[in-house]
């Protein structure tokens, strides 16, 4: 099975620049999770969304690379049946003429 969460948008403190540490900025996260589905052992996408927002906001990461590594590893702990995860985090407002971000793909 595969869960797809697209365009999860919220504001948080993330980044290494001084102004990024002072004021929340909008980020957009996409997540694809592959998992082994067995009778009634499913991955709850509502819990994934809630966990993602809380985890990113709470940790106030400096690097988006660290944010995605931590998120992926903690989602795997939460749901051991995850076999692969692809996450992306974009900062749509950091540059005037483009979106920038990082994509992380992990197989477990």
Protein backbone atom coordinates (compact mmCIF):
# COMPACT_ATOMS: atom_id res chain seq x y z
CA UNK A 1 0.00 0.00 0.00
CA UNK A 2 1.01 3.59 -0.46
CA UNK A 3 -0.17 6.68 1.41
CA UNK A 4 0.21 10.03 -0.29
CA UNK A 5 0.05 13.31 1.61
CA UNK A 6 0.46 16.35 -0.61
CA UNK A 7 0.86 20.04 0.10
CA UNK A 8 0.83 19.89 3.89
CA UNK A 9 1.30 23.57 4.58
CA UNK A 10 2.03 25.31 7.88
CA UNK A 11 4.31 27.92 9.44
CA UNK A 12 7.30 27.10 11.61
CA UNK A 13 10.77 28.20 12.64
CA UNK A 14 13.24 26.47 10.30
CA UNK A 15 16.50 27.57 8.75
CA UNK A 16 19.97 28.86 9.55
CA UNK A 17 19.63 32.55 8.69
CA UNK A 18 19.03 35.00 11.54
CA UNK A 19 15.62 36.12 10.29
CA UNK A 20 14.53 32.47 9.88
CA UNK A 21 15.17 31.89 13.60
CA UNK A 22 13.03 34.88 14.61
CA UNK A 23 9.86 34.57 12.54
CA UNK A 24 7.89 31.55 11.37
CA UNK A 25 7.86 30.93 7.64
CA UNK A 26 5.57 28.85 5.47
CA UNK A 27 6.74 25.39 4.51
CA UNK A 28 5.12 22.74 2.33
CA UNK A 29 5.67 19.03 2.95
CA UNK A 30 4.83 16.07 0.71
CA UNK A 31 5.03 12.51 2.02
CA UNK A 32 4.72 9.14 0.29
CA UNK A 33 4.75 6.09 2.54
CA UNK A 34 4.86 2.50 1.34
CA UNK A 35 3.93 -0.12 3.90
CA UNK A 36 2.94 -3.73 4.31
CA UNK A 37 -0.78 -3.86 4.89
CA UNK A 38 -2.01 -6.74 7.00
CA UNK A 39 -5.47 -7.29 8.39
CA UNK A 40 -6.33 -4.15 10.37
CA UNK A 41 -2.69 -3.06 10.63
CA UNK A 42 -2.82 0.14 8.66
CA UNK A 43 -0.93 3.42 8.71
CA UNK A 44 -3.25 6.21 9.85
CA UNK A 45 -2.69 9.21 7.58
CA UNK A 46 -4.40 11.58 10.03
CA UNK A 47 -1.84 10.62 12.69
CA UNK A 48 0.97 11.03 10.15
CA UNK A 49 -0.18 14.59 9.38
CA UNK A 50 -0.56 15.53 13.06
CA UNK A 51 2.78 13.96 13.97
CA UNK A 52 4.56 15.71 11.09
CA UNK A 53 3.32 19.18 12.04
CA UNK A 54 4.09 18.73 15.73
CA UNK A 55 7.52 17.16 15.11
CA UNK A 56 8.70 19.90 12.75
CA UNK A 57 7.31 22.74 14.88
CA UNK A 58 8.66 21.35 18.15
CA UNK A 59 12.22 20.74 16.94
CA UNK A 60 12.73 24.08 15.14
CA UNK A 61 15.33 22.54 12.83
CA UNK A 62 18.22 24.54 11.41
CA UNK A 63 18.62 22.43 8.27
CA UNK A 64 15.76 21.03 6.23
CA UNK A 65 17.93 17.97 5.59
CA UNK A 66 17.94 17.28 9.34
CA UNK A 67 14.20 17.86 9.51
CA UNK A 68 13.48 15.24 6.84
CA UNK A 69 15.92 12.69 8.28
CA UNK A 70 14.40 13.05 11.73
CA UNK A 71 10.84 12.95 10.42
CA UNK A 72 11.45 9.82 8.34
CA UNK A 73 13.21 7.96 11.15
CA UNK A 74 10.53 8.83 13.68
CA UNK A 75 7.68 7.85 11.35
CA UNK A 76 9.37 4.47 10.92
CA UNK A 77 9.49 4.07 14.71
CA UNK A 78 5.82 5.01 14.95
CA UNK A 79 4.85 2.57 12.19
CA UNK A 80 7.32 -0.35 11.90
CA UNK A 81 5.42 -1.72 8.87
CA UNK A 82 6.73 1.19 6.75
CA UNK A 83 9.00 -0.19 4.03
CA UNK A 84 9.85 3.05 2.20
CA UNK A 85 9.28 6.74 2.64
CA UNK A 86 9.74 9.73 0.39
CA UNK A 87 9.50 13.18 1.92
CA UNK A 88 10.00 16.64 0.53
CA UNK A 89 10.09 19.97 2.28
CA UNK A 90 9.83 23.22 0.35
CA UNK A 91 10.20 26.84 1.43
CA UNK A 92 8.00 28.72 -1.05
CA UNK A 93 8.65 32.21 0.32
CA UNK A 94 12.40 32.20 1.02
CA UNK A 95 13.36 33.35 -2.51
CA UNK A 96 11.26 35.70 -4.62
CA UNK A 97 11.43 33.88 -7.94
CA UNK A 98 11.26 30.16 -7.04
CA UNK A 99 10.46 27.44 -4.52
CA UNK A 100 13.43 25.69 -2.93
CA UNK A 101 13.51 22.48 -0.98
CA UNK A 102 14.90 19.03 -0.36
CA UNK A 103 13.67 15.53 -1.20
CA UNK A 104 14.65 12.47 0.86
CA UNK A 105 13.92 8.88 -0.13
CA UNK A 106 14.56 6.03 2.32
CA UNK A 107 14.04 2.28 2.04
CA UNK A 108 13.82 0.26 5.22
